Protein backbone atom coordinates (compact mmCIF):
# COMPACT_ATOMS: atom_id res chain seq x y z
CA ASP A 1 -113.72 66.18 27.03
CA LYS A 2 -116.58 67.82 28.91
CA LEU A 3 -115.43 66.23 32.16
CA LYS A 4 -111.83 67.31 31.51
CA LYS A 5 -112.95 70.85 30.83
CA HIS A 6 -115.11 70.97 33.96
CA ILE A 7 -112.32 69.64 36.22
CA ILE A 8 -109.73 72.08 34.87
CA ARG A 9 -112.05 75.04 35.28
CA MET A 10 -113.03 74.08 38.82
CA MET A 11 -109.37 73.65 39.83
CA VAL A 12 -108.70 77.22 38.81
CA LEU A 13 -111.86 78.70 40.33
CA ASP A 14 -111.85 76.75 43.61
CA LYS A 15 -108.14 76.18 44.29
CA GLY A 16 -106.42 78.79 42.13
CA GLN A 17 -104.31 76.02 40.61
CA ARG A 18 -103.54 75.88 36.89
CA LEU A 19 -102.56 72.97 34.62
CA ASP A 20 -98.83 73.55 35.00
CA GLY A 21 -99.04 74.41 38.70
CA ARG A 22 -98.62 78.18 38.32
CA ALA A 23 -100.56 80.84 40.15
CA THR A 24 -103.10 82.85 38.18
CA ASP A 25 -100.74 85.84 37.78
CA GLN A 26 -97.48 83.91 37.30
CA ILE A 27 -95.43 84.08 34.08
CA ARG A 28 -93.64 81.07 32.64
CA PRO A 29 -89.79 80.99 32.62
CA ILE A 30 -88.28 83.26 29.95
CA TRP A 31 -85.08 82.85 27.94
CA SER A 32 -83.89 84.96 25.01
CA GLU A 33 -80.80 85.56 22.90
CA ILE A 34 -79.86 88.05 20.18
CA GLY A 35 -77.59 87.57 17.16
CA TYR A 36 -78.83 84.00 16.90
CA LEU A 37 -78.31 83.93 13.11
CA PRO A 38 -74.97 85.63 12.35
CA SER A 39 -75.51 86.52 8.68
CA THR A 40 -78.82 88.35 9.01
CA HIS A 41 -79.40 92.07 9.47
CA GLY A 42 -80.67 91.30 12.96
CA SER A 43 -82.07 88.25 14.76
CA ALA A 44 -83.34 87.09 18.13
CA ILE A 45 -84.91 84.02 19.68
CA PHE A 46 -87.45 84.33 22.47
CA THR A 47 -88.70 81.44 24.60
CA ARG A 48 -91.46 81.55 27.20
CA GLY A 49 -92.26 78.15 28.64
CA GLU A 50 -92.98 75.85 25.70
CA THR A 51 -93.51 78.68 23.22
CA GLN A 52 -90.55 79.79 21.12
CA ALA A 53 -90.25 82.34 18.28
CA LEU A 54 -87.25 83.05 16.04
CA ALA A 55 -87.38 86.54 14.51
CA THR A 56 -85.14 87.95 11.80
CA ILE A 57 -85.10 91.41 10.25
CA THR A 58 -84.11 92.51 6.75
CA LEU A 59 -83.33 96.11 5.84
CA GLY A 60 -84.00 97.38 2.33
CA THR A 61 -84.34 100.53 0.28
CA LYS A 62 -87.36 102.40 -1.01
CA LEU A 63 -87.41 100.04 -3.98
CA ASP A 64 -88.24 97.19 -1.58
CA LYS A 65 -91.49 98.70 -0.30
CA MET A 66 -94.54 96.44 -0.47
CA MET A 67 -97.38 97.67 -2.64
CA VAL A 68 -100.75 97.34 -0.93
CA ASP A 69 -103.60 97.38 -3.43
CA THR A 70 -107.09 97.31 -1.97
CA ALA A 71 -110.51 97.93 -3.45
CA LEU A 72 -110.52 101.52 -2.20
CA ASP A 73 -106.88 102.49 -1.93
CA SER A 74 -103.39 101.76 -3.16
CA TYR A 75 -100.20 102.64 -1.32
CA PHE A 76 -96.70 101.44 -0.46
CA GLU A 77 -95.81 100.05 2.96
CA LYS A 78 -92.22 100.20 4.22
CA PHE A 79 -92.80 98.01 7.30
CA MET A 80 -93.81 94.37 7.03
CA LEU A 81 -94.14 91.56 9.54
CA HIS A 82 -94.72 88.01 8.40
CA TYR A 83 -95.75 85.40 10.95
CA ASN A 84 -95.18 81.74 10.10
CA PHE A 85 -96.73 78.91 12.10
CA PRO A 86 -95.37 75.63 10.70
CA ALA A 87 -96.95 72.34 11.72
CA LEU A 88 -93.72 71.22 13.38
CA SER A 89 -94.26 73.80 16.14
CA VAL A 90 -97.09 71.67 17.55
CA GLY A 91 -95.61 68.28 16.65
CA GLU A 92 -97.67 67.74 13.51
CA VAL A 93 -96.75 66.78 9.96
CA LYS A 94 -98.73 68.31 7.11
CA PRO A 95 -98.11 70.17 3.85
CA ASN A 96 -97.07 73.79 4.08
CA ARG A 97 -99.63 75.64 2.00
CA GLY A 98 -98.72 79.16 3.03
CA PRO A 99 -100.17 81.40 5.73
CA GLY A 100 -103.85 81.09 6.52
CA ARG A 101 -106.31 83.47 8.10
CA ARG A 102 -104.96 82.77 11.59
CA GLU A 103 -101.35 83.53 10.60
CA VAL A 104 -102.35 86.73 8.82
CA GLY A 105 -104.33 87.93 11.85
CA HIS A 106 -101.55 87.17 14.32
CA GLY A 107 -99.04 88.88 12.04
CA ASN A 108 -101.20 92.01 11.81
CA LEU A 109 -101.47 92.28 15.58
CA ALA A 110 -97.73 91.88 16.08
CA GLY A 111 -97.03 94.27 13.22
CA ARG A 112 -99.24 97.00 14.69
CA SER A 113 -97.44 96.61 18.00
CA LEU A 114 -93.92 96.97 16.60
CA LYS A 115 -94.63 99.60 13.96
CA LYS A 116 -95.50 102.15 16.64
CA VAL A 117 -91.98 102.25 18.07
CA ILE A 118 -90.16 102.73 14.75
CA PRO A 119 -89.23 106.39 14.14
CA ASP A 120 -91.03 108.07 11.25
CA ASP A 121 -87.73 109.24 9.77
CA PHE A 122 -86.20 105.75 9.73
CA PRO A 123 -85.00 105.58 6.10
CA TYR A 124 -85.03 101.83 5.58
CA THR A 125 -87.72 99.47 4.42
CA LEU A 126 -88.01 96.92 7.23
CA ARG A 127 -89.26 93.35 7.09
CA ILE A 128 -89.59 91.11 10.14
CA VAL A 129 -90.14 87.38 9.78
CA SER A 130 -91.20 85.37 12.82
CA ASP A 131 -90.96 81.59 12.66
CA ILE A 132 -92.66 79.76 15.52
CA LEU A 133 -90.44 76.83 16.50
CA GLU A 134 -92.68 75.52 19.27
CA SER A 135 -96.06 76.63 20.53
CA ASN A 136 -98.07 76.19 23.69
CA GLY A 137 -100.02 79.43 23.82
CA SER A 138 -99.21 83.10 23.16
CA SER A 139 -97.10 82.55 20.03
CA SER A 140 -98.15 85.94 18.62
CA MET A 141 -97.00 87.63 21.82
CA ALA A 142 -93.70 85.77 21.59
CA THR A 143 -93.41 87.21 18.08
CA VAL A 144 -93.75 90.73 19.48
CA CYS A 145 -90.98 90.12 22.01
CA ALA A 146 -88.67 88.39 19.52
CA GLY A 147 -89.30 91.09 16.90
CA ALA A 148 -88.39 93.88 19.33
CA LEU A 149 -85.19 92.09 20.34
CA ALA A 150 -84.25 91.48 16.69
CA MET A 151 -84.71 95.15 15.82
CA MET A 152 -82.51 96.23 18.71
CA ASP A 153 -79.93 93.65 17.67
CA GLY A 154 -79.98 95.05 14.12
CA GLY A 155 -79.47 98.64 15.23
CA VAL A 156 -83.00 99.85 14.45
CA PRO A 157 -83.43 102.93 16.70
CA ILE A 158 -86.79 101.97 18.20
CA THR A 159 -88.11 104.35 20.84
CA SER A 160 -88.75 101.56 23.37
CA ALA A 161 -88.82 97.80 23.70
CA VAL A 162 -92.22 96.15 23.31
CA SER A 163 -93.51 93.07 25.10
CA GLY A 164 -96.77 91.18 24.82
CA ILE A 165 -98.84 88.89 27.01
CA ALA A 166 -101.98 86.82 26.48
CA MET A 167 -104.54 87.02 29.29
CA GLY A 168 -107.26 84.44 29.87
CA MET A 169 -110.34 84.15 32.04
CA ILE A 170 -112.55 81.45 33.49
CA SER A 171 -116.03 82.52 34.53
CA GLU A 172 -118.67 80.18 35.95
CA ASP A 173 -121.43 80.37 38.58
CA GLY A 174 -120.52 83.94 39.47
CA LYS A 175 -116.87 83.07 40.03
CA ASN A 176 -114.16 84.69 37.89
CA ALA A 177 -110.43 84.09 37.55
CA ILE A 178 -108.06 86.15 35.39
CA LEU A 179 -105.07 84.16 34.07
CA SER A 180 -101.73 85.61 32.95
CA ASP A 181 -99.70 84.06 30.11
CA ILE A 182 -102.19 81.36 29.19
CA LEU A 183 -101.34 77.91 27.83
CA GLY A 184 -102.84 76.44 24.71
CA ASP A 185 -105.29 74.31 26.73
CA GLU A 186 -106.29 77.31 28.84
CA ASP A 187 -107.04 79.18 25.63
CA ALA A 188 -109.20 76.32 24.36
CA LEU A 189 -110.98 75.56 27.66
CA GLY A 190 -111.21 79.13 28.97
CA ASP A 191 -113.61 81.95 28.17
CA MET A 192 -111.26 84.69 26.97
CA ASP A 193 -108.08 85.31 24.99
CA PHE A 194 -107.05 88.90 25.60
CA LYS A 195 -103.74 89.86 23.97
CA VAL A 196 -102.09 93.06 25.22
CA THR A 197 -98.84 94.57 23.95
CA GLY A 198 -97.04 97.68 25.13
CA THR A 199 -93.95 99.44 26.35
CA ALA A 200 -92.98 100.54 29.83
CA ASN A 201 -95.05 103.68 29.23
CA GLY A 202 -98.34 102.08 28.23
CA ILE A 203 -100.37 99.89 25.90
CA VAL A 204 -99.58 99.83 22.18
CA ALA A 205 -102.15 97.35 20.84
CA CYS A 206 -104.67 94.83 22.11
CA GLN A 207 -107.09 92.23 20.79
CA MET A 208 -109.78 90.23 22.56
CA ASP A 209 -111.51 86.97 21.71
CA ILE A 210 -114.30 86.19 24.15
CA LYS A 211 -116.73 83.28 24.43
CA ILE A 212 -119.16 84.68 27.00
CA ASP A 213 -121.81 87.33 26.46
CA GLY A 214 -119.80 90.22 27.85
CA LEU A 215 -117.20 91.49 30.25
CA SER A 216 -117.85 93.86 33.13
CA PHE A 217 -115.85 97.04 33.55
CA GLU A 218 -114.39 95.73 36.80
CA LEU A 219 -113.14 92.51 35.18
CA LEU A 220 -111.67 94.44 32.26
CA GLY A 221 -109.80 96.72 34.64
CA GLN A 222 -108.51 93.74 36.60
CA ALA A 223 -107.33 92.06 33.39
CA LEU A 224 -105.51 95.20 32.25
CA GLU A 225 -103.81 95.70 35.62
CA GLN A 226 -102.71 92.08 35.70
CA ALA A 227 -101.52 92.34 32.09
CA LYS A 228 -99.47 95.43 32.96
CA ALA A 229 -97.64 93.59 35.71
CA GLY A 230 -96.95 90.71 33.34
CA ARG A 231 -95.73 92.98 30.53
CA LEU A 232 -93.34 94.82 32.82
CA HIS A 233 -91.96 91.52 34.10
CA ILE A 234 -91.35 90.34 30.54
CA LEU A 235 -89.70 93.66 29.65
CA GLY A 236 -87.38 93.23 32.60
CA GLU A 237 -86.32 89.81 31.32
CA MET A 238 -85.81 91.20 27.81
CA ASN A 239 -83.67 94.03 29.16
CA LYS A 240 -81.31 91.45 30.60
CA THR A 241 -80.59 90.38 27.02
CA ILE A 242 -80.43 93.85 25.45
CA ALA A 243 -81.71 97.09 26.93
CA GLN A 244 -80.93 99.57 24.12
CA PRO A 245 -80.63 99.25 20.33
CA ASN A 246 -77.13 98.66 19.03
CA ASP A 247 -75.39 101.77 17.73
CA ASP A 248 -74.30 100.24 14.42
CA LEU A 249 -75.95 98.14 11.76
CA LYS A 250 -74.84 94.59 11.07
CA PRO A 251 -71.94 94.15 8.61
CA HIS A 252 -74.24 92.66 5.96
CA ALA A 253 -76.88 95.40 6.23
CA PRO A 254 -77.05 98.05 3.51
CA ARG A 255 -75.86 101.55 4.32
CA LEU A 256 -77.88 104.57 3.29
CA MET A 257 -76.96 108.15 2.50
CA THR A 258 -79.41 110.90 1.61
CA ILE A 259 -78.42 113.93 -0.46
CA GLU A 260 -80.62 116.96 -0.95
CA ILE A 261 -80.66 118.58 -4.40
CA LYS A 262 -82.75 121.22 -6.09
CA LYS A 263 -86.00 120.19 -7.73
CA GLU A 264 -84.83 121.34 -11.17
CA GLN A 265 -81.70 119.16 -10.87
CA ILE A 266 -83.64 115.88 -10.58
CA GLY A 267 -83.83 115.46 -14.35
CA GLU A 268 -80.12 116.10 -14.68
CA VAL A 269 -79.29 113.29 -12.24
CA ILE A 270 -81.73 110.85 -13.84
CA GLY A 271 -80.76 111.68 -17.42
CA PRO A 272 -82.68 110.88 -20.62
CA GLY A 273 -84.48 107.59 -20.13
CA GLY A 274 -82.64 107.07 -16.84
CA LYS A 275 -79.30 106.78 -18.61
CA VAL A 276 -77.26 108.86 -16.16
CA ILE A 277 -78.56 107.29 -12.96
CA GLN A 278 -78.16 103.79 -14.40
CA GLU A 279 -74.55 104.53 -15.32
CA ILE A 280 -73.84 105.77 -11.80
CA GLN A 281 -75.41 102.64 -10.28
CA ALA A 282 -73.44 100.34 -12.60
CA GLN A 283 -70.19 102.21 -11.97
CA THR A 284 -70.48 102.28 -8.18
CA GLY A 285 -72.54 99.15 -7.43
CA THR A 286 -75.18 101.12 -5.54
CA VAL A 287 -78.95 101.49 -5.62
CA ILE A 288 -80.13 105.08 -6.09
CA THR A 289 -83.66 106.40 -5.69
CA ILE A 290 -84.91 109.98 -6.05
CA GLU A 291 -88.03 111.36 -4.42
CA GLU A 292 -89.49 114.80 -5.02
CA ILE A 293 -90.55 116.49 -1.78
CA GLY A 294 -91.86 120.01 -2.21
CA ASP A 295 -89.25 122.11 -3.99
CA LYS A 296 -86.46 119.66 -3.15
CA GLY A 297 -85.21 116.36 -4.47
CA MET A 298 -84.09 113.72 -1.97
CA VAL A 299 -81.52 111.32 -3.43
CA GLN A 300 -81.09 108.09 -1.45
CA ILE A 301 -77.97 105.99 -2.08
CA SER A 302 -77.68 102.49 -0.63
CA SER A 303 -75.02 99.80 -0.65
CA SER A 304 -73.39 97.42 1.79
CA ASN A 305 -70.06 99.05 0.90
CA LYS A 306 -69.44 102.51 2.33
CA GLU A 307 -66.79 103.31 -0.29
CA SER A 308 -69.33 102.70 -3.06
CA ILE A 309 -71.80 105.06 -1.40
CA ASP A 310 -69.15 107.77 -1.07
CA MET A 311 -68.19 107.34 -4.72
CA ALA A 312 -71.79 107.70 -5.92
CA ALA A 313 -72.35 110.66 -3.61
CA ASP A 314 -69.26 112.44 -4.98
CA ILE A 315 -70.51 111.96 -8.54
CA ILE A 316 -73.97 113.35 -7.74
CA ARG A 317 -72.56 116.25 -5.75
CA GLY A 318 -70.27 117.06 -8.64
CA MET A 319 -73.21 117.10 -11.04
CA THR A 320 -75.38 119.32 -8.89
CA HIS A 321 -72.86 121.52 -7.10
CA VAL A 322 -72.87 125.25 -7.91
CA PRO A 323 -69.27 126.53 -7.67
CA GLN A 324 -68.68 129.30 -5.14
CA ILE A 325 -65.80 131.76 -5.08
CA GLY A 326 -63.20 130.55 -2.62
CA ASP A 327 -63.97 126.84 -3.09
CA VAL A 328 -61.07 124.46 -3.72
CA TYR A 329 -61.37 121.61 -6.22
CA ASP A 330 -59.33 118.71 -7.59
CA ALA A 331 -58.80 119.57 -11.25
CA VAL A 332 -57.54 117.74 -14.34
CA VAL A 333 -55.87 119.56 -17.23
CA GLN A 334 -57.98 119.26 -20.38
CA SER A 335 -56.04 121.49 -22.78
CA VAL A 336 -52.91 123.65 -22.72
CA MET A 337 -52.87 127.09 -24.34
CA PRO A 338 -50.13 129.75 -24.56
CA TYR A 339 -52.03 131.97 -22.13
CA GLY A 340 -52.95 129.25 -19.60
CA VAL A 341 -54.63 125.86 -19.19
CA PHE A 342 -58.24 124.76 -19.22
CA VAL A 343 -59.07 122.31 -16.44
CA GLY A 344 -62.09 120.17 -15.56
CA PHE A 345 -63.46 119.46 -12.10
CA LEU A 346 -66.63 118.16 -10.42
CA LYS A 347 -67.29 115.85 -13.38
CA LYS A 348 -68.88 118.54 -15.56
CA GLN A 349 -67.35 121.91 -14.59
CA SER A 350 -64.43 123.56 -16.37
CA GLY A 351 -62.49 126.79 -16.14
CA LEU A 352 -59.31 128.64 -17.07
CA VAL A 353 -56.16 128.84 -15.01
CA HIS A 354 -54.32 131.81 -16.52
CA VAL A 355 -50.58 131.53 -16.92
CA SER A 356 -50.15 134.20 -14.26
CA GLU A 357 -52.15 132.03 -11.82
CA LEU A 358 -50.16 128.85 -12.35
CA SER A 359 -47.14 129.74 -10.25
CA HIS A 360 -45.54 132.53 -8.28
CA SER A 361 -42.61 132.36 -10.70
CA ARG A 362 -42.89 133.57 -14.30
CA ILE A 363 -43.66 130.82 -16.83
CA ALA A 364 -42.39 131.53 -20.35
CA ASN A 365 -43.77 128.38 -22.01
CA VAL A 366 -46.78 126.70 -20.43
CA GLU A 367 -46.36 123.47 -22.42
CA GLU A 368 -42.93 122.90 -20.88
CA VAL A 369 -44.40 122.98 -17.39
CA ILE A 370 -47.88 121.43 -17.67
CA SER A 371 -49.31 118.68 -19.88
CA GLU A 372 -52.79 117.38 -20.56
CA GLY A 373 -53.95 114.98 -17.85
CA ASP A 374 -51.97 116.62 -15.05
CA LYS A 375 -53.86 116.87 -11.77
CA PHE A 376 -53.64 119.57 -9.13
CA LYS A 377 -55.84 121.58 -6.80
CA VAL A 378 -57.30 124.89 -7.89
CA LYS A 379 -59.19 127.68 -6.17
CA LEU A 380 -62.10 129.55 -7.72
CA ILE A 381 -61.17 133.23 -7.67
CA GLY A 382 -63.81 134.76 -9.93
CA VAL A 383 -66.27 134.53 -12.80
CA ASP A 384 -65.97 136.42 -16.08
CA GLU A 385 -68.90 138.83 -16.22
CA LYS A 386 -69.28 138.63 -20.02
CA THR A 387 -68.65 134.98 -20.80
CA GLY A 388 -69.52 133.41 -17.45
CA LYS A 389 -66.31 131.38 -17.53
CA LEU A 390 -64.77 130.39 -14.22
CA LYS A 391 -61.43 131.87 -13.25
CA LEU A 392 -59.23 129.48 -11.31
CA SER A 393 -55.88 129.74 -9.60
CA ARG A 394 -53.27 127.21 -8.63
CA LYS A 395 -50.93 129.89 -7.33
CA ALA A 396 -53.40 130.87 -4.59
CA LEU A 397 -52.93 127.46 -2.98
CA MET A 398 -49.14 127.41 -3.24
CA PRO A 399 -46.88 128.83 -0.52
CA LYS A 400 -45.21 132.05 -1.66
CA PRO A 401 -41.38 131.75 -1.78
CA ASP A 402 -39.42 134.03 0.49
CA PHE A 403 -37.49 135.66 -2.38
CA ILE A 404 -40.71 136.92 -3.98
CA LYS A 405 -41.90 140.18 -2.48
CA ASP A 406 -45.49 141.14 -2.16
CA GLU A 407 -46.98 141.83 -5.59
CA ASP A 408 -48.10 145.35 -4.66
CA GLU A 409 -44.51 146.32 -3.78
CA SER A 410 -42.50 144.54 -6.49
CA ARG A 411 -44.49 145.34 -9.67
CA PRO A 412 -45.19 148.72 -11.29
CA ARG A 413 -48.73 149.95 -11.00
CA HIS A 414 -49.55 149.63 -14.72
CA GLU A 415 -48.45 145.94 -14.60
CA ARG A 416 -50.38 145.16 -11.40
CA GLU A 417 -53.77 146.35 -12.57
CA GLY A 418 -55.73 143.34 -13.80
CA SER A 419 -52.98 141.43 -15.55
CA SER A 420 -54.97 138.21 -15.81
CA ASP A 421 -58.26 140.03 -16.48
CA HIS A 422 -56.63 142.11 -19.22
CA ALA A 423 -55.14 139.01 -20.81
CA ASP A 424 -58.49 137.24 -20.68
CA ARG A 425 -60.24 140.15 -22.38
CA ARG A 426 -57.51 140.37 -24.99
CA SER A 427 -57.68 136.65 -25.81
CA ASN A 428 -61.47 136.81 -26.04
CA GLN A 429 -61.33 139.90 -28.34
CA GLU A 430 -58.69 138.32 -30.55
CA GLY A 431 -60.80 135.20 -30.96
CA ALA A 432 -63.87 137.25 -31.89
CA ASN A 433 -62.03 139.45 -34.45
CA GLN A 434 -60.43 136.56 -36.31
CA GLY A 435 -63.82 135.62 -37.72
CA ARG A 436 -64.22 138.98 -39.55
CA LYS A 437 -63.23 139.30 -43.22
CA ASP A 438 -61.90 142.83 -42.81
CA TYR A 439 -59.80 141.88 -39.81
CA ARG A 440 -56.23 143.20 -39.80
CA PRO A 441 -54.00 142.42 -36.84
CA ASN A 442 -53.39 145.40 -34.62
CA ARG A 443 -49.75 146.32 -34.73
CA GLY A 444 -48.84 148.32 -31.70
CA ARG A 445 -46.09 150.82 -31.42
CA ASP A 446 -43.64 148.08 -30.46
CA ASN A 447 -44.51 145.99 -33.54
CA ARG A 448 -44.12 148.61 -36.31
CA GLY A 449 -40.56 147.62 -37.16
CA HIS A 450 -37.27 149.52 -36.80
CA HIS A 451 -37.46 153.24 -37.46
CA ASP A 452 -34.74 152.91 -40.13
CA ASP A 453 -37.01 150.63 -42.16
CA ARG A 454 -39.87 153.14 -42.30
CA ARG A 455 -40.26 155.59 -45.20
CA LYS A 456 -38.86 158.98 -44.42
CA SER A 457 -41.22 161.85 -44.97
């Protein structure tokens, strides 16, 4: 082994020849493909020489965040990268006992590299899993490349593609050689393993394992310059596969919608013991989370079915919407009265459509025209100042027939002035008086009977 190590090192230092015949700054052949697994939220396979990584991404909601509990801190992480190095990747057979210290370290390096290019406002929880299918050096850097390709395949709007390269060095008797894209044997027999990841604009993360006492500033600069050339070459090969993230998510990926509500409305959406929000989730097949941010509540709705998201969003908007004059709503008749109909809309709102606001034509008997359960559009035309009840109109949304003149021209002045308002006040006053013991119906001049029936004075 000592002789083998000495010969390999001297070949590089004296002849500039590496084990596989490459030059010191040459990169192994690269092949990659996206959409390798059709049912995932995003996938890619990346091969460089005899090193191959298969990366898949999974998109989740805020409920899927990973809780990180340390001795000093506890928080939730919405980005995860898990690196798996099975024995089959190096032609071995042994039990799979889970990730060890090496796998955790490689996963952390790749995770730091890819996390930097994910926008802060990306609403999903994101998990990347990298499975190493074969390995002959730089498997963690292959994970970075495969992970970036998988995110772009899945429609994650990363700011830039990321590539990684492992640099090596052989130093002996005052001679130094910097190696790009090292093999497994060059890692074992060399003096340095310097992993560098970055975008076209610069370095994102790096990690160095070194076996000699130190590294001069000149050698470090040479290694970084050589790594930059290698990274840009790898990025160019990746761009041939996919240069920009896809515009749409995969069909199996969950869709998200965020609705902003007032802080005081959060309890109304959740309900006592979570009853309301659970009913909405069961009815629509969605997952709903609410987060309080300042004086606002951010409601996040997720589902793989867009229709389900829209249904849940309509329910929540109906619960939290404050009606505005001029708004138009889909209403359902709840009860029919002689003076009009009471309708419900927006799940919890209700109001009165006076008989004069039902149609442009005169309606003698409301029950003959409208029944409970009828549906039609209404327009909010006002709010009663005393009772706070909403005044609605169906007539305002109906085209006026040609034979009906403008109201201001066809009706006497005393009939035009507040017909619906006057009727509302009268119905409210009548209802209040009926509860009094001394109440006697007011008989107007027209209701006193025929003058022949009255006692003559």
